[in-house]
Amino acid sequence: MIKRYLLVTKPGIIFGNLISVAGGFFLAAKGSVDLSLFLATVVGLSLIVASGCALNNCIDRDIDRKMERTKNRVTVTGAMSTKAAFTHGIVLGLIGFGMLYYWTNLVALGFAAFGFFIYVVVYSLYMKRNSVYGTLVGSFSGAVPPVVGYCAVTGNFDIGAAILLIMFSLWQMPHSYAIAIFRFKDYEAANIPVLPVAQGINKAKHHIVIYIVAFALATVMLALSGYVGYGYLVVACATSLWWLGMALSGYKSSTDDRLWARKVFVVSIVTITALSVMMAVDFQTPASQLDMLAYLG
């Protein structure tokens, strides 16, 4: 029973969000960490993410059974009833939102609610099934965790939070398109209009390159705005160039698209993990912005 209730929340997604929310929190805390606030933010947001994933499993059970990757989910096999999964998701969400309301602030709570609404209602119920822009809309929910972590500390949405939102939204796009390419047959079988299926893999490759370039520029803005130091900047440039080089290699005529897409996906995980860690340890105050610009000049 415990295993079923855990699996329906997609633990892998929860773990990935833990890294980004911690990165945003430590970036804003700048070395002055309130442990109780940190734990409340991480646990509260994790429960909200788990809630969204459980509800998504309820919504997607009809298309999940058509995809090789998802056909064994507990809501598809019947190991867990839709009612039980739905109730589980609602309970987790209420506890998670309650924790953020009690221990953090309305800004952090508001962004968590925004991400939850986008993922469960806008993306899962409509956009994923009906529009090639579903990935773009869903990217905003995936970018919320670091913003929640950041705003839990600051209590306001400033330039640093805006850069995090843009940066993580842009990262979601090539990451998701890579998944759609190496899982092409699954998405095609389920009739999900992701870009590679709806408009072709070649067009998806173009978009992957464009979004990685935009992502790289956004990562640099965090340094130019004075929120992080030179160590972060070096890692941001190195990982972004590595990711871009991997993406450009997809234009070779001998490319195995599925293998290439898996490599792009893996590098995307390494990139965002490295940046989340670096923003947590190489934080600075925005006052250092002038020093950074003078150095680059």
Protein backbone atom coordinates (compact mmCIF):
# COMPACT_ATOMS: atom_id res chain seq x y z
CA MET A 1 0.00 0.00 0.00
CA ILE A 2 2.80 2.41 0.93
CA LYS A 3 4.57 1.72 -2.37
CA ARG A 4 1.41 2.47 -4.37
CA TYR A 5 0.83 5.74 -2.58
CA LEU A 6 4.45 6.72 -3.15
CA LEU A 7 4.61 5.78 -6.83
CA VAL A 8 1.49 7.76 -7.75
CA THR A 9 3.29 10.95 -6.64
CA LYS A 10 6.19 10.45 -9.13
CA PRO A 11 9.14 10.51 -6.66
CA GLY A 12 11.67 11.33 -9.40
CA ILE A 13 9.93 14.61 -10.18
CA ILE A 14 9.72 15.46 -6.48
CA PHE A 15 13.46 14.88 -6.03
CA GLY A 16 14.30 17.06 -9.02
CA ASN A 17 12.22 19.88 -7.60
CA LEU A 18 13.91 19.51 -4.20
CA ILE A 19 17.23 20.50 -5.75
CA SER A 20 15.85 23.59 -7.45
CA VAL A 21 13.81 24.84 -4.49
CA ALA A 22 16.87 24.45 -2.26
CA GLY A 23 18.96 26.37 -4.80
CA GLY A 24 16.49 29.26 -4.82
CA PHE A 25 16.22 29.25 -1.02
CA PHE A 26 19.97 29.31 -0.37
CA LEU A 27 20.50 31.93 -3.08
CA ALA A 28 18.11 34.28 -1.27
CA ALA A 29 19.31 33.35 2.23
CA LYS A 30 22.93 34.32 1.41
CA GLY A 31 24.37 32.18 4.17
CA SER A 32 21.82 33.14 6.83
CA VAL A 33 19.67 30.02 6.81
CA ASP A 34 16.57 29.65 8.95
CA LEU A 35 16.47 25.86 9.24
CA SER A 36 12.81 25.65 10.26
CA LEU A 37 11.79 27.88 7.34
CA PHE A 38 13.91 25.83 4.97
CA LEU A 39 12.40 22.53 6.09
CA ALA A 40 8.86 23.92 5.96
CA THR A 41 9.44 25.29 2.44
CA VAL A 42 11.02 22.09 1.10
CA VAL A 43 8.50 19.73 2.70
CA GLY A 44 5.50 21.95 1.92
CA LEU A 45 6.40 22.40 -1.73
CA SER A 46 7.29 18.72 -2.10
CA LEU A 47 3.83 17.79 -0.87
CA ILE A 48 2.26 20.22 -3.35
CA VAL A 49 4.31 18.75 -6.20
CA ALA A 50 3.33 15.25 -5.05
CA SER A 51 -0.31 16.34 -5.01
CA GLY A 52 -0.10 17.69 -8.55
CA CYS A 53 1.55 14.50 -9.79
CA ALA A 54 -1.08 12.29 -8.15
CA LEU A 55 -3.89 14.34 -9.70
CA ASN A 56 -2.08 14.28 -13.05
CA ASN A 57 -2.02 10.48 -12.88
CA CYS A 58 -5.77 10.50 -12.37
CA ILE A 59 -6.30 12.79 -15.36
CA ASP A 60 -3.86 11.00 -17.68
CA ARG A 61 -4.84 7.40 -17.02
CA ASP A 62 -6.48 7.06 -20.46
CA ILE A 63 -3.39 8.20 -22.37
CA ASP A 64 -0.95 6.58 -19.95
CA ARG A 65 -2.19 3.13 -20.95
CA LYS A 66 -1.21 3.86 -24.56
CA MET A 67 2.40 4.72 -23.73
CA GLU A 68 5.08 2.12 -23.07
CA ARG A 69 6.71 4.29 -20.42
CA THR A 70 3.53 4.84 -18.39
CA LYS A 71 1.39 1.75 -19.02
CA ASN A 72 2.37 0.23 -15.67
CA ARG A 73 1.41 3.20 -13.52
CA VAL A 74 -0.78 2.21 -10.58
CA THR A 75 -3.74 4.23 -11.89
CA VAL A 76 -3.54 2.34 -15.19
CA THR A 77 -3.05 -1.20 -13.89
CA GLY A 78 -5.78 -0.79 -11.27
CA ALA A 79 -3.35 -1.31 -8.38
CA MET A 80 -4.72 1.98 -7.07
CA SER A 81 -8.21 3.27 -7.76
CA THR A 82 -8.75 6.70 -9.27
CA LYS A 83 -10.74 7.70 -6.19
CA ALA A 84 -7.90 6.71 -3.86
CA ALA A 85 -5.29 8.52 -5.98
CA PHE A 86 -7.47 11.62 -6.18
CA THR A 87 -8.12 11.67 -2.44
CA HIS A 88 -4.43 11.12 -1.77
CA GLY A 89 -3.54 14.04 -4.02
CA ILE A 90 -6.06 16.38 -2.38
CA VAL A 91 -4.86 15.51 1.14
CA LEU A 92 -1.20 16.04 0.19
CA GLY A 93 -2.06 19.36 -1.42
CA LEU A 94 -3.99 20.64 1.58
CA ILE A 95 -1.14 19.78 3.93
CA GLY A 96 1.47 21.29 1.61
CA PHE A 97 -0.39 24.54 1.06
CA GLY A 98 -1.15 24.70 4.78
CA MET A 99 2.55 24.43 5.61
CA LEU A 100 3.51 27.20 3.19
CA TYR A 101 0.70 29.40 4.48
CA TYR A 102 1.73 28.93 8.11
CA TRP A 103 5.52 29.05 7.83
CA THR A 104 6.36 31.12 4.74
CA ASN A 105 4.54 34.09 3.20
CA LEU A 106 1.81 34.95 0.73
CA VAL A 107 4.22 35.51 -2.17
CA ALA A 108 5.72 32.02 -1.87
CA LEU A 109 2.26 30.56 -1.35
CA GLY A 110 0.91 32.44 -4.36
CA PHE A 111 3.60 31.12 -6.69
CA ALA A 112 3.11 27.58 -5.42
CA ALA A 113 -0.63 27.91 -6.14
CA PHE A 114 0.15 29.38 -9.57
CA GLY A 115 2.40 26.44 -10.48
CA PHE A 116 -0.13 23.92 -9.18
CA PHE A 117 -2.98 25.49 -11.16
CA ILE A 118 -0.95 25.65 -14.38
CA TYR A 119 0.17 22.03 -14.10
CA VAL A 120 -3.06 20.37 -12.98
CA VAL A 121 -5.75 22.50 -14.60
CA VAL A 122 -4.31 24.32 -17.62
CA TYR A 123 -1.67 21.82 -18.73
CA SER A 124 -3.00 18.40 -17.68
CA LEU A 125 -6.68 18.98 -18.40
CA TYR A 126 -6.35 20.85 -21.68
CA MET A 127 -3.05 22.03 -23.18
CA LYS A 128 -1.19 18.71 -23.11
CA ARG A 129 -3.91 17.04 -25.16
CA ASN A 130 -4.88 19.84 -27.48
CA SER A 131 -2.02 22.18 -28.30
CA VAL A 132 1.57 22.13 -29.48
CA TYR A 133 2.09 24.96 -26.99
CA GLY A 134 1.36 22.67 -24.06
CA THR A 135 5.07 22.30 -23.35
CA LEU A 136 5.50 26.07 -23.22
CA VAL A 137 2.60 26.53 -20.82
CA GLY A 138 3.73 23.63 -18.66
CA SER A 139 7.23 25.10 -18.43
CA PHE A 140 5.96 27.81 -16.10
CA SER A 141 4.85 25.26 -13.51
CA GLY A 142 8.23 23.54 -13.73
CA ALA A 143 9.97 26.87 -13.06
CA VAL A 144 8.02 27.63 -9.89
CA PRO A 145 10.00 25.62 -7.25
CA PRO A 146 13.17 27.78 -7.19
CA VAL A 147 11.01 30.91 -7.15
CA VAL A 148 9.04 29.58 -4.18
CA GLY A 149 12.29 28.79 -2.38
CA TYR A 150 13.63 32.27 -3.11
CA CYS A 151 10.44 34.12 -2.16
CA ALA A 152 10.06 32.10 1.04
CA VAL A 153 13.16 33.94 2.24
CA THR A 154 12.69 37.39 0.72
CA GLY A 155 8.92 37.72 0.91
CA ASN A 156 8.83 39.57 -2.40
CA PHE A 157 9.20 39.00 -6.13
CA ASP A 158 12.28 40.94 -7.21
CA ILE A 159 14.71 40.84 -10.14
CA GLY A 160 16.43 37.74 -8.77
CA ALA A 161 13.14 35.85 -8.58
CA ALA A 162 12.19 37.01 -12.08
CA ILE A 163 15.49 35.75 -13.51
CA LEU A 164 14.97 32.38 -11.81
CA LEU A 165 11.48 32.10 -13.29
CA ILE A 166 12.71 32.93 -16.79
CA MET A 167 15.81 30.76 -16.50
CA PHE A 168 14.04 27.62 -15.32
CA SER A 169 11.16 28.11 -17.78
CA LEU A 170 13.61 28.30 -20.67
CA TRP A 171 15.44 25.22 -19.39
CA GLN A 172 12.21 23.20 -19.41
CA MET A 173 11.75 23.58 -23.17
CA PRO A 174 14.80 21.77 -24.64
CA HIS A 175 14.66 19.32 -21.75
CA SER A 176 11.04 18.41 -22.57
CA TYR A 177 11.55 18.36 -26.34
CA ALA A 178 14.45 15.95 -25.90
CA ILE A 179 12.17 13.62 -23.94
CA ALA A 180 9.52 13.89 -26.64
CA ILE A 181 12.05 12.90 -29.30
CA PHE A 182 13.45 9.79 -27.62
CA ARG A 183 9.91 8.88 -26.50
CA PHE A 184 8.48 9.81 -29.90
CA LYS A 185 6.52 6.58 -30.40
CA ASP A 186 4.87 6.91 -26.99
CA TYR A 187 3.63 10.44 -27.65
CA GLU A 188 2.55 9.48 -31.15
CA ALA A 189 0.59 6.47 -29.87
CA ALA A 190 -1.17 8.63 -27.27
CA ASN A 191 -1.84 11.36 -29.87
CA ILE A 192 -0.18 14.03 -27.75
CA PRO A 193 0.68 17.05 -29.97
CA VAL A 194 4.19 17.77 -28.69
CA LEU A 195 6.35 19.65 -31.19
CA PRO A 196 8.39 16.67 -32.52
CA VAL A 197 5.19 14.72 -33.22
CA ALA A 198 3.07 17.62 -34.47
CA GLN A 199 5.64 19.46 -36.58
CA GLY A 200 8.61 17.13 -36.95
CA ILE A 201 11.87 16.30 -35.22
CA ASN A 202 13.92 18.71 -37.34
CA LYS A 203 11.84 21.67 -36.22
CA ALA A 204 12.14 20.47 -32.63
CA LYS A 205 15.93 20.44 -33.04
CA HIS A 206 15.86 24.09 -34.15
CA HIS A 207 13.78 25.02 -31.12
CA ILE A 208 16.08 23.11 -28.79
CA VAL A 209 19.09 25.12 -29.99
CA ILE A 210 17.23 28.44 -29.74
CA TYR A 211 15.97 27.76 -26.24
CA ILE A 212 19.40 26.64 -25.01
CA VAL A 213 20.91 29.92 -26.27
CA ALA A 214 18.15 31.88 -24.52
CA PHE A 215 18.68 29.83 -21.36
CA ALA A 216 22.42 30.53 -21.44
CA LEU A 217 21.76 34.28 -21.63
CA ALA A 218 19.33 34.07 -18.71
CA THR A 219 21.85 32.20 -16.55
CA VAL A 220 24.44 34.92 -17.18
CA MET A 221 21.93 37.60 -16.16
CA LEU A 222 21.85 36.15 -12.66
CA ALA A 223 25.57 36.90 -12.41
CA LEU A 224 25.42 40.29 -14.14
CA SER A 225 22.67 41.35 -11.74
CA GLY A 226 25.01 40.64 -8.84
CA TYR A 227 23.16 37.74 -7.23
CA VAL A 228 25.96 35.20 -7.77
CA GLY A 229 29.72 35.24 -8.17
CA TYR A 230 32.39 34.26 -10.66
CA GLY A 231 32.32 30.58 -9.74
CA TYR A 232 28.67 30.34 -10.74
CA LEU A 233 29.39 32.30 -13.93
CA VAL A 234 32.15 29.91 -14.98
CA VAL A 235 29.95 26.85 -14.36
CA ALA A 236 26.99 28.49 -16.13
CA CYS A 237 29.05 29.26 -19.23
CA ALA A 238 30.74 25.85 -19.29
CA THR A 239 27.56 23.80 -18.87
CA SER A 240 25.54 25.93 -21.29
CA LEU A 241 28.23 25.64 -23.98
CA TRP A 242 28.43 21.88 -23.39
CA TRP A 243 24.65 21.60 -23.71
CA LEU A 244 24.60 23.78 -26.81
CA GLY A 245 27.39 21.76 -28.42
CA MET A 246 25.48 18.56 -27.74
CA ALA A 247 22.34 20.09 -29.28
CA LEU A 248 24.19 21.25 -32.41
CA SER A 249 25.62 17.76 -32.91
CA GLY A 250 22.08 16.67 -33.73
CA TYR A 251 22.39 18.25 -37.18
CA LYS A 252 24.94 15.68 -38.33
CA SER A 253 23.56 13.45 -41.08
CA SER A 254 24.69 10.32 -39.25
CA THR A 255 22.84 11.24 -36.05
CA ASP A 256 20.66 8.66 -34.31
CA ASP A 257 17.91 11.02 -33.15
CA ARG A 258 16.80 8.89 -30.20
CA LEU A 259 20.33 8.43 -28.86
CA TRP A 260 21.14 12.10 -29.44
CA ALA A 261 17.98 13.21 -27.63
CA ARG A 262 18.85 11.04 -24.63
CA LYS A 263 22.26 12.72 -24.44
CA VAL A 264 20.66 16.17 -24.65
CA PHE A 265 18.30 15.13 -21.86
CA VAL A 266 21.13 13.88 -19.62
CA VAL A 267 23.18 17.04 -20.15
CA SER A 268 20.11 19.13 -19.31
CA ILE A 269 19.86 17.39 -15.93
CA VAL A 270 23.57 17.87 -15.23
CA THR A 271 23.34 21.54 -16.25
CA ILE A 272 20.39 22.52 -14.06
CA THR A 273 21.70 20.52 -11.11
CA ALA A 274 25.11 22.17 -11.33
CA LEU A 275 23.55 25.64 -11.53
CA SER A 276 21.22 24.96 -8.60
CA VAL A 277 24.19 23.90 -6.50
CA MET A 278 26.34 26.86 -7.57
CA MET A 279 23.64 29.45 -6.90
CA ALA A 280 23.30 27.94 -3.43
CA VAL A 281 27.00 28.19 -2.58
CA ASP A 282 28.24 31.15 -4.67
CA PHE A 283 25.61 33.70 -3.65
CA GLN A 284 26.29 37.43 -3.46
CA THR A 285 24.32 40.59 -2.79
CA PRO A 286 23.05 42.65 -5.73
CA ALA A 287 25.35 45.46 -4.56
CA SER A 288 28.22 43.56 -6.19
CA GLN A 289 26.68 44.18 -9.62
CA LEU A 290 28.88 47.22 -10.31
CA ASP A 291 32.00 45.26 -9.46
CA MET A 292 30.98 42.50 -11.86
CA LEU A 293 30.29 44.94 -14.69
CA ALA A 294 33.55 46.78 -14.08
CA TYR A 295 35.43 43.47 -14.18
CA LEU A 296 33.80 42.43 -17.45
CA GLY A 297 34.41 45.86 -18.90
